[in-house]
Amino acid sequence: MVKSMQALYLEERTNKHIIEDGFGFAIYSFNEHGVYIEDIFVLEDYRKSGHAAKLADKIALIAKVKGITKMFGSVCPSAKGSTTSLKVLLAYGMKLKSATQDFIVMEKDV
């Protein structure tokens, strides 16, 4: 699938990478600790179908090819939908790495 102009723009202007398909997208980046999934969005009709996990699996595969062994995700508890986001991270097998009053970091081996 051809990337959207917004995805091309973000990749050109930032260190972020984007996977898109007809059902959703994921934004991720690499840092000294591993691969960080910044955001995953799935169209409402395809939520609870495992599509977010499929996007995360694609990112994990890219990370493995680069020799990266850790994947991270985060949740801001005050954000709209944060409970659902945390449930998705837990269902994907992520474990708590750290937490502050309004920021939770989860991690998983890839």
PDB file of N, CA and C in Angstrom:
ATOM      1  N   MET A   1       0.836  -1.183   0.000  1.00  0.00           N
ATOM      2  CA  MET A   1       0.000   0.000   0.000  1.00  0.00           C
ATOM      3  C   MET A   1       0.884   1.251   0.000  1.00  0.00           C
ATOM      4  N   VAL A   2       0.511   2.227  -0.769  1.00  0.00           N
ATOM      5  CA  VAL A   2       1.226   3.492  -0.845  1.00  0.00           C
ATOM      6  C   VAL A   2       0.943   4.279   0.430  1.00  0.00           C
ATOM      7  N   LYS A   3       1.997   4.867   0.996  1.00  0.00           N
ATOM      8  CA  LYS A   3       1.821   5.648   2.216  1.00  0.00           C
ATOM      9  C   LYS A   3       1.116   6.968   1.926  1.00  0.00           C
ATOM     10  N   SER A   4       0.348   7.415   2.910  1.00  0.00           N
ATOM     11  CA  SER A   4      -0.335   8.701   2.795  1.00  0.00           C
ATOM     12  C   SER A   4       0.691   9.829   2.803  1.00  0.00           C
ATOM     13  N   MET A   5       0.270  10.983   2.328  1.00  0.00           N
ATOM     14  CA  MET A   5       1.165  12.143   2.354  1.00  0.00           C
ATOM     15  C   MET A   5       1.542  12.500   3.787  1.00  0.00           C
ATOM     16  N   GLN A   6       0.608  12.359   4.715  1.00  0.00           N
ATOM     17  CA  GLN A   6       0.924  12.677   6.105  1.00  0.00           C
ATOM     18  C   GLN A   6       1.996  11.739   6.644  1.00  0.00           C
ATOM     19  N   ALA A   7       1.919  10.453   6.308  1.00  0.00           N
ATOM     20  CA  ALA A   7       2.934   9.502   6.754  1.00  0.00           C
ATOM     21  C   ALA A   7       4.289   9.844   6.154  1.00  0.00           C
ATOM     22  N   LEU A   8       4.316  10.153   4.880  1.00  0.00           N
ATOM     23  CA  LEU A   8       5.573  10.527   4.235  1.00  0.00           C
ATOM     24  C   LEU A   8       6.162  11.785   4.865  1.00  0.00           C
ATOM     25  N   TYR A   9       5.303  12.747   5.157  1.00  0.00           N
ATOM     26  CA  TYR A   9       5.744  13.990   5.794  1.00  0.00           C
ATOM     27  C   TYR A   9       6.355  13.706   7.176  1.00  0.00           C
ATOM     28  N   LEU A  10       5.639  12.940   8.004  1.00  0.00           N
ATOM     29  CA  LEU A  10       6.154  12.650   9.346  1.00  0.00           C
ATOM     30  C   LEU A  10       7.476  11.894   9.292  1.00  0.00           C
ATOM     31  N   GLU A  11       7.585  10.937   8.391  1.00  0.00           N
ATOM     32  CA  GLU A  11       8.827  10.182   8.287  1.00  0.00           C
ATOM     33  C   GLU A  11       9.982  11.057   7.814  1.00  0.00           C
ATOM     34  N   GLU A  12       9.683  12.002   6.933  1.00  0.00           N
ATOM     35  CA  GLU A  12      10.726  12.892   6.432  1.00  0.00           C
ATOM     36  C   GLU A  12      11.167  13.900   7.489  1.00  0.00           C
ATOM     37  N   ARG A  13      10.240  14.392   8.305  1.00  0.00           N
ATOM     38  CA  ARG A  13      10.527  15.475   9.236  1.00  0.00           C
ATOM     39  C   ARG A  13      10.881  15.025  10.647  1.00  0.00           C
ATOM     40  N   THR A  14      10.623  13.766  10.985  1.00  0.00           N
ATOM     41  CA  THR A  14      10.878  13.267  12.339  1.00  0.00           C
ATOM     42  C   THR A  14      11.606  11.929  12.265  1.00  0.00           C
ATOM     43  N   ASN A  15      11.885  11.357  13.400  1.00  0.00           N
ATOM     44  CA  ASN A  15      12.483  10.020  13.421  1.00  0.00           C
ATOM     45  C   ASN A  15      11.398   8.948  13.564  1.00  0.00           C
ATOM     46  N   LYS A  16      10.180   9.304  13.258  1.00  0.00           N
ATOM     47  CA  LYS A  16       9.052   8.377  13.400  1.00  0.00           C
ATOM     48  C   LYS A  16       8.823   7.607  12.105  1.00  0.00           C
ATOM     49  N   HIS A  17       8.301   6.397  12.272  1.00  0.00           N
ATOM     50  CA  HIS A  17       7.962   5.532  11.147  1.00  0.00           C
ATOM     51  C   HIS A  17       6.482   5.196  11.261  1.00  0.00           C
ATOM     52  N   ILE A  18       5.854   4.924  10.131  1.00  0.00           N
ATOM     53  CA  ILE A  18       4.420   4.662  10.128  1.00  0.00           C
ATOM     54  C   ILE A  18       4.118   3.447   9.267  1.00  0.00           C
ATOM     55  N   ILE A  19       3.291   2.566   9.813  1.00  0.00           N
ATOM     56  CA  ILE A  19       2.725   1.451   9.063  1.00  0.00           C
ATOM     57  C   ILE A  19       1.248   1.780   8.903  1.00  0.00           C
ATOM     58  N   GLU A  20       0.756   1.691   7.670  1.00  0.00           N
ATOM     59  CA  GLU A  20      -0.649   1.968   7.394  1.00  0.00           C
ATOM     60  C   GLU A  20      -1.241   0.823   6.577  1.00  0.00           C
ATOM     61  N   ASP A  21      -2.513   0.590   6.756  1.00  0.00           N
ATOM     62  CA  ASP A  21      -3.259  -0.291   5.864  1.00  0.00           C
ATOM     63  C   ASP A  21      -4.691   0.231   5.809  1.00  0.00           C
ATOM     64  N   GLY A  22      -5.582  -0.502   5.222  1.00  0.00           N
ATOM     65  CA  GLY A  22      -6.950  -0.032   5.075  1.00  0.00           C
ATOM     66  C   GLY A  22      -7.761  -0.027   6.345  1.00  0.00           C
ATOM     67  N   PHE A  23      -7.188  -0.533   7.445  1.00  0.00           N
ATOM     68  CA  PHE A  23      -7.922  -0.668   8.701  1.00  0.00           C
ATOM     69  C   PHE A  23      -7.382   0.211   9.822  1.00  0.00           C
ATOM     70  N   GLY A  24      -6.146   0.696   9.676  1.00  0.00           N
ATOM     71  CA  GLY A  24      -5.560   1.511  10.731  1.00  0.00           C
ATOM     72  C   GLY A  24      -4.116   1.853  10.448  1.00  0.00           C
ATOM     73  N   PHE A  25      -3.449   2.373  11.469  1.00  0.00           N
ATOM     74  CA  PHE A  25      -2.032   2.720  11.336  1.00  0.00           C
ATOM     75  C   PHE A  25      -1.351   2.615  12.689  1.00  0.00           C
ATOM     76  N   ALA A  26      -0.027   2.557  12.637  1.00  0.00           N
ATOM     77  CA  ALA A  26       0.798   2.567  13.847  1.00  0.00           C
ATOM     78  C   ALA A  26       1.974   3.503  13.605  1.00  0.00           C
ATOM     79  N   ILE A  27       2.296   4.294  14.617  1.00  0.00           N
ATOM     80  CA  ILE A  27       3.445   5.195  14.579  1.00  0.00           C
ATOM     81  C   ILE A  27       4.458   4.671  15.586  1.00  0.00           C
ATOM     82  N   TYR A  28       5.707   4.540  15.148  1.00  0.00           N
ATOM     83  CA  TYR A  28       6.738   4.001  16.032  1.00  0.00           C
ATOM     84  C   TYR A  28       8.076   4.649  15.727  1.00  0.00           C
ATOM     85  N   SER A  29       9.007   4.505  16.683  1.00  0.00           N
ATOM     86  CA  SER A  29      10.357   5.028  16.502  1.00  0.00           C
ATOM     87  C   SER A  29      11.333   4.121  17.239  1.00  0.00           C
ATOM     88  N   PHE A  30      12.589   4.287  16.914  1.00  0.00           N
ATOM     89  CA  PHE A  30      13.652   3.526  17.562  1.00  0.00           C
ATOM     90  C   PHE A  30      14.447   4.453  18.463  1.00  0.00           C
ATOM     91  N   ASN A  31      14.883   3.924  19.609  1.00  0.00           N
ATOM     92  CA  ASN A  31      15.763   4.678  20.488  1.00  0.00           C
ATOM     93  C   ASN A  31      16.797   3.715  21.062  1.00  0.00           C
ATOM     94  N   GLU A  32      17.621   4.189  21.978  1.00  0.00           N
ATOM     95  CA  GLU A  32      18.706   3.350  22.507  1.00  0.00           C
ATOM     96  C   GLU A  32      18.193   2.158  23.327  1.00  0.00           C
ATOM     97  N   HIS A  33      16.935   2.174  23.706  1.00  0.00           N
ATOM     98  CA  HIS A  33      16.371   1.097  24.521  1.00  0.00           C
ATOM     99  C   HIS A  33      15.623   0.052  23.698  1.00  0.00           C
ATOM    100  N   GLY A  34      15.174   0.426  22.502  1.00  0.00           N
ATOM    101  CA  GLY A  34      14.421  -0.503  21.674  1.00  0.00           C
ATOM    102  C   GLY A  34      13.505   0.232  20.711  1.00  0.00           C
ATOM    103  N   VAL A  35      12.368  -0.383  20.421  1.00  0.00           N
ATOM    104  CA  VAL A  35      11.380   0.231  19.539  1.00  0.00           C
ATOM    105  C   VAL A  35      10.205   0.700  20.392  1.00  0.00           C
ATOM    106  N   TYR A  36       9.765   1.912  20.150  1.00  0.00           N
ATOM    107  CA  TYR A  36       8.695   2.520  20.928  1.00  0.00           C
ATOM    108  C   TYR A  36       7.481   2.712  20.031  1.00  0.00           C
ATOM    109  N   ILE A  37       6.372   2.075  20.381  1.00  0.00           N
ATOM    110  CA  ILE A  37       5.130   2.283  19.659  1.00  0.00           C
ATOM    111  C   ILE A  37       4.450   3.499  20.264  1.00  0.00           C
ATOM    112  N   GLU A  38       4.410   4.554  19.496  1.00  0.00           N
ATOM    113  CA  GLU A  38       3.834   5.809  19.990  1.00  0.00           C
ATOM    114  C   GLU A  38       2.315   5.780  19.948  1.00  0.00           C
ATOM    115  N   ASP A  39       1.770   5.207  18.890  1.00  0.00           N
ATOM    116  CA  ASP A  39       0.322   5.219  18.748  1.00  0.00           C
ATOM    117  C   ASP A  39      -0.117   4.138  17.781  1.00  0.00           C
ATOM    118  N   ILE A  40      -1.259   3.558  18.063  1.00  0.00           N
ATOM    119  CA  ILE A  40      -1.922   2.648  17.131  1.00  0.00           C
ATOM    120  C   ILE A  40      -3.377   3.083  17.055  1.00  0.00           C
ATOM    121  N   PHE A  41      -3.870   3.200  15.831  1.00  0.00           N
ATOM    122  CA  PHE A  41      -5.267   3.535  15.611  1.00  0.00           C
ATOM    123  C   PHE A  41      -5.864   2.510  14.664  1.00  0.00           C
ATOM    124  N   VAL A  42      -7.022   1.981  15.046  1.00  0.00           N
ATOM    125  CA  VAL A  42      -7.758   1.037  14.209  1.00  0.00           C
ATOM    126  C   VAL A  42      -9.171   1.591  14.037  1.00  0.00           C
ATOM    127  N   LEU A  43      -9.668   1.546  12.802  1.00  0.00           N
ATOM    128  CA  LEU A  43     -11.038   2.002  12.541  1.00  0.00           C
ATOM    129  C   LEU A  43     -12.017   1.271  13.452  1.00  0.00           C
ATOM    130  N   GLU A  44     -13.027   1.972  13.894  1.00  0.00           N
ATOM    131  CA  GLU A  44     -13.957   1.448  14.901  1.00  0.00           C
ATOM    132  C   GLU A  44     -14.538   0.079  14.525  1.00  0.00           C
ATOM    133  N   ASP A  45     -14.899  -0.123  13.276  1.00  0.00           N
ATOM    134  CA  ASP A  45     -15.498  -1.396  12.856  1.00  0.00           C
ATOM    135  C   ASP A  45     -14.534  -2.578  12.954  1.00  0.00           C
ATOM    136  N   TYR A  46     -13.222  -2.308  13.073  1.00  0.00           N
ATOM    137  CA  TYR A  46     -12.223  -3.374  13.105  1.00  0.00           C
ATOM    138  C   TYR A  46     -11.563  -3.528  14.475  1.00  0.00           C
ATOM    139  N   ARG A  47     -12.013  -2.755  15.430  1.00  0.00           N
ATOM    140  CA  ARG A  47     -11.475  -2.891  16.790  1.00  0.00           C
ATOM    141  C   ARG A  47     -11.954  -4.209  17.385  1.00  0.00           C
ATOM    142  N   LYS A  48     -11.205  -4.736  18.306  1.00  0.00           N
ATOM    143  CA  LYS A  48     -11.477  -6.024  18.951  1.00  0.00           C
ATOM    144  C   LYS A  48     -11.399  -7.182  17.958  1.00  0.00           C
ATOM    145  N   SER A  49     -10.678  -6.965  16.854  1.00  0.00           N
ATOM    146  CA  SER A  49     -10.504  -8.013  15.854  1.00  0.00           C
ATOM    147  C   SER A  49      -9.071  -8.533  15.828  1.00  0.00           C
ATOM    148  N   GLY A  50      -8.220  -7.977  16.690  1.00  0.00           N
ATOM    149  CA  GLY A  50      -6.816  -8.360  16.702  1.00  0.00           C
ATOM    150  C   GLY A  50      -5.962  -7.549  15.736  1.00  0.00           C
ATOM    151  N   HIS A  51      -6.564  -6.534  15.129  1.00  0.00           N
ATOM    152  CA  HIS A  51      -5.813  -5.779  14.137  1.00  0.00           C
ATOM    153  C   HIS A  51      -4.689  -4.945  14.773  1.00  0.00           C
ATOM    154  N   ALA A  52      -4.911  -4.406  15.943  1.00  0.00           N
ATOM    155  CA  ALA A  52      -3.838  -3.650  16.610  1.00  0.00           C
ATOM    156  C   ALA A  52      -2.641  -4.565  16.858  1.00  0.00           C
ATOM    157  N   ALA A  53      -2.894  -5.800  17.264  1.00  0.00           N
ATOM    158  CA  ALA A  53      -1.808  -6.758  17.485  1.00  0.00           C
ATOM    159  C   ALA A  53      -1.083  -7.071  16.182  1.00  0.00           C
ATOM    160  N   LYS A  54      -1.808  -7.146  15.084  1.00  0.00           N
ATOM    161  CA  LYS A  54      -1.172  -7.401  13.784  1.00  0.00           C
ATOM    162  C   LYS A  54      -0.225  -6.263  13.412  1.00  0.00           C
ATOM    163  N   LEU A  55      -0.642  -5.029  13.677  1.00  0.00           N
ATOM    164  CA  LEU A  55       0.235  -3.890  13.413  1.00  0.00           C
ATOM    165  C   LEU A  55       1.471  -3.948  14.313  1.00  0.00           C
ATOM    166  N   ALA A  56       1.267  -4.249  15.586  1.00  0.00           N
ATOM    167  CA  ALA A  56       2.387  -4.353  16.531  1.00  0.00           C
ATOM    168  C   ALA A  56       3.323  -5.493  16.126  1.00  0.00           C
ATOM    169  N   ASP A  57       2.766  -6.605  15.636  1.00  0.00           N
ATOM    170  CA  ASP A  57       3.597  -7.724  15.179  1.00  0.00           C
ATOM    171  C   ASP A  57       4.486  -7.312  14.005  1.00  0.00           C
ATOM    172  N   LYS A  58       3.956  -6.483  13.109  1.00  0.00           N
ATOM    173  CA  LYS A  58       4.761  -5.994  11.984  1.00  0.00           C
ATOM    174  C   LYS A  58       5.927  -5.151  12.496  1.00  0.00           C
ATOM    175  N   ILE A  59       5.657  -4.326  13.494  1.00  0.00           N
ATOM    176  CA  ILE A  59       6.720  -3.499  14.081  1.00  0.00           C
ATOM    177  C   ILE A  59       7.746  -4.393  14.773  1.00  0.00           C
ATOM    178  N   ALA A  60       7.285  -5.411  15.487  1.00  0.00           N
ATOM    179  CA  ALA A  60       8.200  -6.343  16.166  1.00  0.00           C
ATOM    180  C   ALA A  60       9.111  -7.033  15.155  1.00  0.00           C
ATOM    181  N   LEU A  61       8.570  -7.416  14.027  1.00  0.00           N
ATOM    182  CA  LEU A  61       9.378  -8.066  12.995  1.00  0.00           C
ATOM    183  C   LEU A  61      10.446  -7.117  12.454  1.00  0.00           C
ATOM    184  N   ILE A  62      10.068  -5.872  12.210  1.00  0.00           N
ATOM    185  CA  ILE A  62      11.043  -4.868  11.765  1.00  0.00           C
ATOM    186  C   ILE A  62      12.138  -4.701  12.813  1.00  0.00           C
ATOM    187  N   ALA A  63      11.740  -4.656  14.090  1.00  0.00           N
ATOM    188  CA  ALA A  63      12.710  -4.507  15.182  1.00  0.00           C
ATOM    189  C   ALA A  63      13.664  -5.695  15.234  1.00  0.00           C
ATOM    190  N   LYS A  64      13.136  -6.905  15.106  1.00  0.00           N
ATOM    191  CA  LYS A  64      13.981  -8.107  15.145  1.00  0.00           C
ATOM    192  C   LYS A  64      15.024  -8.089  14.043  1.00  0.00           C
ATOM    193  N   VAL A  65      14.625  -7.684  12.856  1.00  0.00           N
ATOM    194  CA  VAL A  65      15.560  -7.609  11.734  1.00  0.00           C
ATOM    195  C   VAL A  65      16.694  -6.637  12.052  1.00  0.00           C
ATOM    196  N   LYS A  66      16.398  -5.582  12.811  1.00  0.00           N
ATOM    197  CA  LYS A  66      17.404  -4.592  13.200  1.00  0.00           C
ATOM    198  C   LYS A  66      18.197  -5.023  14.440  1.00  0.00           C
ATOM    199  N   GLY A  67      17.870  -6.213  14.992  1.00  0.00           N
ATOM    200  CA  GLY A  67      18.576  -6.693  16.179  1.00  0.00           C
ATOM    201  C   GLY A  67      18.063  -6.109  17.476  1.00  0.00           C
ATOM    202  N   ILE A  68      16.898  -5.517  17.448  1.00  0.00           N
ATOM    203  CA  ILE A  68      16.309  -4.897  18.637  1.00  0.00           C
ATOM    204  C   ILE A  68      15.529  -5.949  19.412  1.00  0.00           C
ATOM    205  N   THR A  69      15.644  -5.933  20.730  1.00  0.00           N
ATOM    206  CA  THR A  69      15.031  -6.978  21.554  1.00  0.00           C
ATOM    207  C   THR A  69      13.914  -6.491  22.468  1.00  0.00           C
ATOM    208  N   LYS A  70      13.683  -5.186  22.550  1.00  0.00           N
ATOM    209  CA  LYS A  70      12.654  -4.646  23.442  1.00  0.00           C
ATOM    210  C   LYS A  70      11.673  -3.760  22.684  1.00  0.00           C
ATOM    211  N   MET A  71      10.407  -3.892  23.063  1.00  0.00           N
ATOM    212  CA  MET A  71       9.340  -3.058  22.512  1.00  0.00           C
ATOM    213  C   MET A  71       8.684  -2.331  23.678  1.00  0.00           C
ATOM    214  N   PHE A  72       8.368  -1.062  23.465  1.00  0.00           N
ATOM    215  CA  PHE A  72       7.745  -0.257  24.499  1.00  0.00           C
ATOM    216  C   PHE A  72       6.464   0.389  23.986  1.00  0.00           C
ATOM    217  N   GLY A  73       5.545   0.607  24.890  1.00  0.00           N
ATOM    218  CA  GLY A  73       4.325   1.342  24.609  1.00  0.00           C
ATOM    219  C   GLY A  73       3.999   2.148  25.845  1.00  0.00           C
ATOM    220  N   SER A  74       3.141   3.131  25.715  1.00  0.00           N
ATOM    221  CA  SER A  74       2.815   3.961  26.873  1.00  0.00           C
ATOM    222  C   SER A  74       1.349   4.366  26.838  1.00  0.00           C
ATOM    223  N   VAL A  75       0.882   4.743  28.008  1.00  0.00           N
ATOM    224  CA  VAL A  75      -0.492   5.214  28.171  1.00  0.00           C
ATOM    225  C   VAL A  75      -0.466   6.414  29.100  1.00  0.00           C
ATOM    226  N   CYS A  76      -1.192   7.429  28.722  1.00  0.00           N
ATOM    227  CA  CYS A  76      -1.402   8.592  29.583  1.00  0.00           C
ATOM    228  C   CYS A  76      -2.783   8.403  30.212  1.00  0.00           C
ATOM    229  N   PRO A  77      -2.861   8.057  31.499  1.00  0.00           N
ATOM    230  CA  PRO A  77      -4.153   7.744  32.114  1.00  0.00           C
ATOM    231  C   PRO A  77      -5.215   8.837  32.005  1.00  0.00           C
ATOM    232  N   SER A  78      -4.819  10.082  31.860  1.00  0.00           N
ATOM    233  CA  SER A  78      -5.815  11.151  31.758  1.00  0.00           C
ATOM    234  C   SER A  78      -6.365  11.309  30.333  1.00  0.00           C
ATOM    235  N   ALA A  79      -5.792  10.587  29.368  1.00  0.00           N
ATOM    236  CA  ALA A  79      -6.240  10.703  27.974  1.00  0.00           C
ATOM    237  C   ALA A  79      -7.539   9.928  27.757  1.00  0.00           C
ATOM    238  N   LYS A  80      -8.352  10.401  26.843  1.00  0.00           N
ATOM    239  CA  LYS A  80      -9.591   9.726  26.485  1.00  0.00           C
ATOM    240  C   LYS A  80      -9.257   8.322  25.948  1.00  0.00           C
ATOM    241  N   GLY A  81      -9.945   7.317  26.433  1.00  0.00           N
ATOM    242  CA  GLY A  81      -9.738   5.946  25.967  1.00  0.00           C
ATOM    243  C   GLY A  81      -8.546   5.244  26.576  1.00  0.00           C
ATOM    244  N   SER A  82      -7.963   5.820  27.619  1.00  0.00           N
ATOM    245  CA  SER A  82      -6.740   5.242  28.185  1.00  0.00           C
ATOM    246  C   SER A  82      -6.948   3.856  28.792  1.00  0.00           C
ATOM    247  N   THR A  83      -8.115   3.605  29.355  1.00  0.00           N
ATOM    248  CA  THR A  83      -8.370   2.274  29.924  1.00  0.00           C
ATOM    249  C   THR A  83      -8.322   1.220  28.823  1.00  0.00           C
ATOM    250  N   THR A  84      -8.937   1.510  27.704  1.00  0.00           N
ATOM    251  CA  THR A  84      -8.909   0.585  26.571  1.00  0.00           C
ATOM    252  C   THR A  84      -7.480   0.402  26.070  1.00  0.00           C
ATOM    253  N   SER A  85      -6.732   1.482  25.965  1.00  0.00           N
ATOM    254  CA  SER A  85      -5.341   1.389  25.509  1.00  0.00           C
ATOM    255  C   SER A  85      -4.517   0.501  26.429  1.00  0.00           C
ATOM    256  N   LEU A  86      -4.693   0.658  27.713  1.00  0.00           N
ATOM    257  CA  LEU A  86      -3.957  -0.168  28.659  1.00  0.00           C
ATOM    258  C   LEU A  86      -4.354  -1.642  28.533  1.00  0.00           C
ATOM    259  N   LYS A  87      -5.629  -1.910  28.347  1.00  0.00           N
ATOM    260  CA  LYS A  87      -6.093  -3.290  28.146  1.00  0.00           C
ATOM    261  C   LYS A  87      -5.466  -3.905  26.902  1.00  0.00           C
ATOM    262  N   VAL A  88      -5.354  -3.123  25.844  1.00  0.00           N
ATOM    263  CA  VAL A  88      -4.751  -3.620  24.600  1.00  0.00           C
ATOM    264  C   VAL A  88      -3.284  -3.963  24.830  1.00  0.00           C
ATOM    265  N   LEU A  89      -2.552  -3.101  25.514  1.00  0.00           N
ATOM    266  CA  LEU A  89      -1.138  -3.374  25.788  1.00  0.00           C
ATOM    267  C   LEU A  89      -0.973  -4.628  26.646  1.00  0.00           C
ATOM    268  N   LEU A  90      -1.803  -4.782  27.653  1.00  0.00           N
ATOM    269  CA  LEU A  90      -1.748  -5.972  28.504  1.00  0.00           C
ATOM    270  C   LEU A  90      -2.097  -7.224  27.718  1.00  0.00           C
ATOM    271  N   ALA A  91      -3.116  -7.155  26.875  1.00  0.00           N
ATOM    272  CA  ALA A  91      -3.522  -8.311  26.068  1.00  0.00           C
ATOM    273  C   ALA A  91      -2.423  -8.701  25.083  1.00  0.00           C
ATOM    274  N   TYR A  92      -1.623  -7.739  24.663  1.00  0.00           N
ATOM    275  CA  TYR A  92      -0.523  -7.999  23.740  1.00  0.00           C
ATOM    276  C   TYR A  92       0.682  -8.604  24.464  1.00  0.00           C
ATOM    277  N   GLY A  93       0.611  -8.685  25.761  1.00  0.00           N
ATOM    278  CA  GLY A  93       1.689  -9.301  26.532  1.00  0.00           C
ATOM    279  C   GLY A  93       2.694  -8.337  27.100  1.00  0.00           C
ATOM    280  N   MET A  94       2.386  -7.067  27.068  1.00  0.00           N
ATOM    281  CA  MET A  94       3.302  -6.089  27.651  1.00  0.00           C
ATOM    282  C   MET A  94       3.170  -6.084  29.166  1.00  0.00           C
ATOM    283  N   LYS A  95       4.270  -5.794  29.815  1.00  0.00           N
ATOM    284  CA  LYS A  95       4.336  -5.739  31.274  1.00  0.00           C
ATOM    285  C   LYS A  95       4.715  -4.322  31.706  1.00  0.00           C
ATOM    286  N   LEU A  96       4.342  -3.978  32.922  1.00  0.00           N
ATOM    287  CA  LEU A  96       4.655  -2.654  33.460  1.00  0.00           C
ATOM    288  C   LEU A  96       6.161  -2.466  33.594  1.00  0.00           C
ATOM    289  N   LYS A  97       6.658  -1.376  33.035  1.00  0.00           N
ATOM    290  CA  LYS A  97       8.059  -1.003  33.201  1.00  0.00           C
ATOM    291  C   LYS A  97       8.184   0.101  34.230  1.00  0.00           C
ATOM    292  N   SER A  98       7.353   1.144  34.102  1.00  0.00           N
ATOM    293  CA  SER A  98       7.389   2.252  35.052  1.00  0.00           C
ATOM    294  C   SER A  98       6.076   3.014  34.991  1.00  0.00           C
ATOM    295  N   ALA A  99       5.830   3.788  36.032  1.00  0.00           N
ATOM    296  CA  ALA A  99       4.613   4.599  36.067  1.00  0.00           C
ATOM    297  C   ALA A  99       4.843   5.827  36.926  1.00  0.00           C
ATOM    298  N   THR A 100       4.278   6.927  36.468  1.00  0.00           N
ATOM    299  CA  THR A 100       4.217   8.148  37.262  1.00  0.00           C
ATOM    300  C   THR A 100       2.743   8.505  37.369  1.00  0.00           C
ATOM    301  N   GLN A 101       2.454   9.638  37.904  1.00  0.00           N
ATOM    302  CA  GLN A 101       1.066  10.023  38.116  1.00  0.00           C
ATOM    303  C   GLN A 101       0.234   9.977  36.832  1.00  0.00           C
ATOM    304  N   ASP A 102       0.819  10.385  35.703  1.00  0.00           N
ATOM    305  CA  ASP A 102       0.021  10.442  34.476  1.00  0.00           C
ATOM    306  C   ASP A 102       0.757   9.864  33.266  1.00  0.00           C
ATOM    307  N   PHE A 103       1.620   8.869  33.489  1.00  0.00           N
ATOM    308  CA  PHE A 103       2.319   8.253  32.367  1.00  0.00           C
ATOM    309  C   PHE A 103       2.739   6.838  32.753  1.00  0.00           C
ATOM    310  N   ILE A 104       2.265   5.874  31.998  1.00  0.00           N
ATOM    311  CA  ILE A 104       2.572   4.464  32.245  1.00  0.00           C
ATOM    312  C   ILE A 104       3.373   3.943  31.062  1.00  0.00           C
ATOM    313  N   VAL A 105       4.511   3.318  31.340  1.00  0.00           N
ATOM    314  CA  VAL A 105       5.345   2.721  30.296  1.00  0.00           C
ATOM    315  C   VAL A 105       5.294   1.210  30.441  1.00  0.00           C
ATOM    316  N   MET A 106       5.003   0.552  29.330  1.00  0.00           N
ATOM    317  CA  MET A 106       4.931  -0.904  29.285  1.00  0.00           C
ATOM    318  C   MET A 106       6.040  -1.402  28.378  1.00  0.00           C
ATOM    319  N   GLU A 107       6.483  -2.666  28.599  1.00  0.00           N
ATOM    320  CA  GLU A 107       7.532  -3.224  27.746  1.00  0.00           C
ATOM    321  C   GLU A 107       7.280  -4.691  27.467  1.00  0.00           C
ATOM    322  N   LYS A 108       7.910  -5.162  26.412  1.00  0.00           N
ATOM    323  CA  LYS A 108       7.793  -6.560  25.998  1.00  0.00           C
ATOM    324  C   LYS A 108       9.048  -6.945  25.237  1.00  0.00           C
ATOM    325  N   ASP A 109       9.507  -8.172  25.433  1.00  0.00           N
ATOM    326  CA  ASP A 109      10.599  -8.690  24.627  1.00  0.00           C
ATOM    327  C   ASP A 109      10.070  -9.003  23.237  1.00  0.00           C
ATOM    328  N   VAL A 110      10.874  -8.713  22.216  1.00  0.00           N
ATOM    329  CA  VAL A 110      10.476  -9.053  20.843  1.00  0.00           C
ATOM    330  C   VAL A 110      11.333 -10.176  20.311  1.00  0.00           C
TER     331      VAL A 110
END
